[in-house]
C-alpha atoms as a PDB file:
ATOM      1  CA  MET A   1     -15.130 206.550 106.703  1.00  0.00           C
ATOM      2  CA  SER A   2     -14.032 203.245 105.289  1.00  0.00           C
ATOM      3  CA  LEU A   3      -9.911 201.994 104.970  1.00  0.00           C
ATOM      4  CA  VAL A   4     -10.992 200.654 100.617  1.00  0.00           C
ATOM      5  CA  GLN A   5     -14.056 201.382  98.303  1.00  0.00           C
ATOM      6  CA  THR A   6     -14.422 197.626  96.801  1.00  0.00           C
ATOM      7  CA  THR A   7     -15.962 198.092  93.408  1.00  0.00           C
ATOM      8  CA  GLY A   8     -17.116 194.397  92.349  1.00  0.00           C
ATOM      9  CA  LEU A   9     -16.694 190.644  93.322  1.00  0.00           C
ATOM     10  CA  VAL A  10     -13.499 189.076  91.376  1.00  0.00           C
ATOM     11  CA  HIS A  11     -14.469 185.726  92.546  1.00  0.00           C
ATOM     12  CA  PHE A  12     -16.196 183.668  95.615  1.00  0.00           C
ATOM     13  CA  SER A  13     -15.229 179.955  96.192  1.00  0.00           C
ATOM     14  CA  ILE A  14     -17.483 176.915  97.773  1.00  0.00           C
ATOM     15  CA  PRO A  15     -16.016 174.278  99.338  1.00  0.00           C
ATOM     16  CA  VAL A  16     -17.011 170.739  97.783  1.00  0.00           C
ATOM     17  CA  ASN A  17     -16.181 166.932  98.614  1.00  0.00           C
ATOM     18  CA  ASP A  18     -15.421 165.799  95.332  1.00  0.00           C
ATOM     19  CA  LEU A  19     -14.160 168.149  92.365  1.00  0.00           C
ATOM     20  CA  GLU A  20     -15.258 165.945  89.283  1.00  0.00           C
ATOM     21  CA  GLU A  21     -18.698 165.267  90.812  1.00  0.00           C
ATOM     22  CA  SER A  22     -19.262 168.839  91.520  1.00  0.00           C
ATOM     23  CA  VAL A  23     -17.849 170.455  88.148  1.00  0.00           C
ATOM     24  CA  GLN A  24     -20.404 168.208  86.913  1.00  0.00           C
ATOM     25  CA  PHE A  25     -23.302 169.347  88.902  1.00  0.00           C
ATOM     26  CA  TYR A  26     -22.308 172.986  88.080  1.00  0.00           C
ATOM     27  CA  THR A  27     -21.999 172.678  84.401  1.00  0.00           C
ATOM     28  CA  ASP A  28     -24.754 169.952  83.765  1.00  0.00           C
ATOM     29  CA  VAL A  29     -27.290 170.360  86.388  1.00  0.00           C
ATOM     30  CA  LEU A  30     -26.758 174.402  86.498  1.00  0.00           C
ATOM     31  CA  GLY A  31     -25.511 175.052  83.142  1.00  0.00           C
ATOM     32  CA  MET A  32     -22.469 176.910  84.231  1.00  0.00           C
ATOM     33  CA  THR A  33     -19.313 176.710  81.913  1.00  0.00           C
ATOM     34  CA  PHE A  34     -15.826 175.375  83.235  1.00  0.00           C
ATOM     35  CA  ARG A  35     -13.364 178.100  83.061  1.00  0.00           C
ATOM     36  CA  GLY A  36     -10.365 176.114  84.392  1.00  0.00           C
ATOM     37  CA  LYS A  37      -8.195 174.780  87.201  1.00  0.00           C
ATOM     38  CA  VAL A  38      -6.959 176.656  90.226  1.00  0.00           C
ATOM     39  CA  GLY A  39      -4.289 175.273  91.641  1.00  0.00           C
ATOM     40  CA  ALA A  40      -4.315 171.589  93.006  1.00  0.00           C
ATOM     41  CA  ASN A  41      -7.285 171.276  94.271  1.00  0.00           C
ATOM     42  CA  GLY A  42      -9.528 174.427  92.278  1.00  0.00           C
ATOM     43  CA  ARG A  43     -11.818 174.288  89.665  1.00  0.00           C
ATOM     44  CA  CYS A  44     -13.089 177.643  88.053  1.00  0.00           C
ATOM     45  CA  VAL A  45     -16.522 177.396  86.886  1.00  0.00           C
ATOM     46  CA  MET A  46     -18.445 180.795  85.435  1.00  0.00           C
ATOM     47  CA  ALA A  47     -22.164 181.709  86.346  1.00  0.00           C
ATOM     48  CA  GLY A  48     -22.485 184.207  83.424  1.00  0.00           C
ATOM     49  CA  GLU A  49     -19.763 187.111  84.247  1.00  0.00           C
ATOM     50  CA  THR A  50     -19.173 185.380  87.699  1.00  0.00           C
ATOM     51  CA  PRO A  51     -16.588 183.020  88.458  1.00  0.00           C
ATOM     52  CA  ILE A  52     -16.785 180.408  91.003  1.00  0.00           C
ATOM     53  CA  ILE A  53     -14.090 178.296  92.535  1.00  0.00           C
ATOM     54  CA  LEU A  54     -15.148 175.083  93.445  1.00  0.00           C
ATOM     55  CA  VAL A  55     -11.971 174.133  96.172  1.00  0.00           C
ATOM     56  CA  GLY A  56     -11.834 170.507  96.876  1.00  0.00           C
ATOM     57  CA  ARG A  57     -12.015 169.659 100.879  1.00  0.00           C
ATOM     58  CA  GLU A  58      -8.974 167.429 101.810  1.00  0.00           C
ATOM     59  CA  ASN A  59     -11.338 165.596 103.913  1.00  0.00           C
ATOM     60  CA  PRO A  60     -14.571 165.001 102.659  1.00  0.00           C
ATOM     61  CA  ARG A  61     -17.244 166.621 105.213  1.00  0.00           C
ATOM     62  CA  PRO A  62     -21.039 164.872 105.999  1.00  0.00           C
ATOM     63  CA  PHE A  63     -23.763 166.269 103.401  1.00  0.00           C
ATOM     64  CA  ASP A  64     -25.448 167.964 106.342  1.00  0.00           C
ATOM     65  CA  GLU A  65     -23.221 169.604 107.983  1.00  0.00           C
ATOM     66  CA  PRO A  66     -23.467 173.330 105.913  1.00  0.00           C
ATOM     67  CA  MET A  67     -26.877 173.409 106.882  1.00  0.00           C
ATOM     68  CA  GLU A  68     -26.253 172.218 110.639  1.00  0.00           C
ATOM     69  CA  HIS A  69     -23.203 174.826 110.968  1.00  0.00           C
ATOM     70  CA  ASN A  70     -24.245 177.939 108.793  1.00  0.00           C
ATOM     71  CA  GLY A  71     -27.733 177.588 108.856  1.00  0.00           C
ATOM     72  CA  ALA A  72     -30.364 178.844 106.182  1.00  0.00           C
ATOM     73  CA  LEU A  73     -29.581 182.002 105.330  1.00  0.00           C
ATOM     74  CA  CYS A  74     -26.009 180.587 104.411  1.00  0.00           C
ATOM     75  CA  HIS A  75     -25.947 180.119 101.053  1.00  0.00           C
ATOM     76  CA  GLN A  76     -25.463 180.817  97.200  1.00  0.00           C
ATOM     77  CA  ALA A  77     -28.384 182.426  95.343  1.00  0.00           C
ATOM     78  CA  PHE A  78     -28.371 182.533  91.262  1.00  0.00           C
ATOM     79  CA  PHE A  79     -30.619 184.095  89.235  1.00  0.00           C
ATOM     80  CA  VAL A  80     -32.588 183.104  86.231  1.00  0.00           C
ATOM     81  CA  SER A  81     -35.238 184.385  83.864  1.00  0.00           C
ATOM     82  CA  SER A  82     -38.956 183.547  84.289  1.00  0.00           C
ATOM     83  CA  GLU A  83     -38.449 180.583  81.440  1.00  0.00           C
ATOM     84  CA  ASP A  84     -35.631 179.348  82.831  1.00  0.00           C
ATOM     85  CA  TYR A  85     -37.199 179.265  86.202  1.00  0.00           C
ATOM     86  CA  ASP A  86     -39.996 177.181  85.580  1.00  0.00           C
ATOM     87  CA  SER A  87     -38.293 174.831  83.595  1.00  0.00           C
ATOM     88  CA  ALA A  88     -35.635 174.202  86.118  1.00  0.00           C
ATOM     89  CA  LEU A  89     -38.325 173.733  88.740  1.00  0.00           C
ATOM     90  CA  GLU A  90     -40.006 170.675  86.259  1.00  0.00           C
ATOM     91  CA  SER A  91     -36.574 169.232  85.738  1.00  0.00           C
ATOM     92  CA  PHE A  92     -34.832 169.350  88.712  1.00  0.00           C
ATOM     93  CA  ARG A  93     -37.529 166.928  89.967  1.00  0.00           C
ATOM     94  CA  GLU A  94     -37.255 164.760  87.306  1.00  0.00           C
ATOM     95  CA  HIS A  95     -34.088 163.979  87.350  1.00  0.00           C
ATOM     96  CA  GLY A  96     -34.245 163.687  91.545  1.00  0.00           C
ATOM     97  CA  VAL A  97     -32.782 167.047  92.770  1.00  0.00           C
ATOM     98  CA  LYS A  98     -34.452 167.614  95.721  1.00  0.00           C
ATOM     99  CA  ILE A  99     -36.220 170.829  96.292  1.00  0.00           C
ATOM    100  CA  PHE A 100     -36.433 172.184  99.605  1.00  0.00           C
ATOM    101  CA  GLY A 101     -38.985 174.978  99.735  1.00  0.00           C
ATOM    102  CA  GLU A 102     -40.127 177.493  97.481  1.00  0.00           C
ATOM    103  CA  GLU A 103     -41.040 181.379  98.319  1.00  0.00           C
ATOM    104  CA  TRP A 104     -42.590 184.606  97.460  1.00  0.00           C
ATOM    105  CA  ARG A 105     -41.374 187.560  98.300  1.00  0.00           C
ATOM    106  CA  ARG A 106     -42.988 190.976  97.321  1.00  0.00           C
ATOM    107  CA  THR A 107     -40.996 193.177  99.510  1.00  0.00           C
ATOM    108  CA  GLY A 108     -37.359 193.110 101.140  1.00  0.00           C
ATOM    109  CA  THR A 109     -33.593 193.152 100.120  1.00  0.00           C
ATOM    110  CA  PHE A 110     -34.181 190.224  97.706  1.00  0.00           C
ATOM    111  CA  ASN A 111     -38.083 189.940  95.892  1.00  0.00           C
ATOM    112  CA  GLY A 112     -38.865 187.351  93.575  1.00  0.00           C
ATOM    113  CA  ARG A 113     -40.063 183.656  93.697  1.00  0.00           C
ATOM    114  CA  SER A 114     -37.223 181.527  95.020  1.00  0.00           C
ATOM    115  CA  PHE A 115     -36.501 177.837  95.356  1.00  0.00           C
ATOM    116  CA  TYR A 116     -33.609 175.779  96.959  1.00  0.00           C
ATOM    117  CA  PHE A 117     -31.843 172.794  96.652  1.00  0.00           C
ATOM    118  CA  PHE A 118     -28.160 171.127  97.724  1.00  0.00           C
ATOM    119  CA  ASP A 119     -25.235 170.757  95.712  1.00  0.00           C
ATOM    120  CA  PRO A 120     -23.657 166.964  96.317  1.00  0.00           C
ATOM    121  CA  SER A 121     -21.657 168.905  98.924  1.00  0.00           C
ATOM    122  CA  GLY A 122     -24.393 169.565 101.152  1.00  0.00           C
ATOM    123  CA  ASN A 123     -24.262 173.503  99.674  1.00  0.00           C
ATOM    124  CA  ARG A 124     -27.166 174.928  99.749  1.00  0.00           C
ATOM    125  CA  LEU A 125     -28.602 176.944  96.838  1.00  0.00           C
ATOM    126  CA  GLU A 126     -30.940 179.130  95.439  1.00  0.00           C
ATOM    127  CA  ILE A 127     -32.540 179.479  92.147  1.00  0.00           C
ATOM    128  CA  ASN A 128     -34.594 182.944  92.064  1.00  0.00           C
ATOM    129  CA  ASP A 129     -36.293 184.796  89.717  1.00  0.00           C
ATOM    130  CA  PRO A 130     -36.619 188.446  90.380  1.00  0.00           C
ATOM    131  CA  ASN A 131     -39.494 189.510  88.068  1.00  0.00           C
ATOM    132  CA  PRO A 132     -42.118 186.544  87.997  1.00  0.00           C
ATOM    133  CA  PRO A 133     -44.747 186.654  85.522  1.00  0.00           C
ATOM    134  CA  PHE A 134     -47.205 186.688  88.142  1.00  0.00           C
ATOM    135  CA  TRP A 135     -47.901 186.754  91.652  1.00  0.00           C
ATOM    136  CA  PRO A 136     -49.868 184.327  93.599  1.00  0.00           C
ATOM    137  CA  GLU A 137     -53.740 185.525  94.763  1.00  0.00           C
ATOM    138  CA  GLY A 138     -53.622 186.434  98.400  1.00  0.00           C
ATOM    139  CA  LEU A 139     -49.640 187.248  98.484  1.00  0.00           C
ATOM    140  CA  GLU A 140     -49.099 190.061 101.001  1.00  0.00           C
ATOM    141  CA  ALA A 141     -47.345 193.143  99.367  1.00  0.00           C
END
């Protein structure tokens, strides 16, 4: 038996090098809404009903450090509609947000189609469409 039964997520935090640049990225690129300041070096943005605290690092870290230390599995994933997925993939490329891989998963813990990219501080992020309108031919079940 567990010591406590958690029933949800209050918020989670993402370390960033530049607070204002990150707030702009998460609101302008990812469509999150700014909720307010959290202490001296935190800013809260909302992904739907989920609060995310962008926490400014005292000393900025190199862009590629999070990926080197944490690996590809350590990332934050956000789900979107099929229409938003298609337009995001196109507009990210048009606006210079580099895509680092796209994948389709029919089985497993998390299904659908996803693409990966990085925020300005090097944190790996994922956009996921859990119910794509089609599946590519030859994709194994």
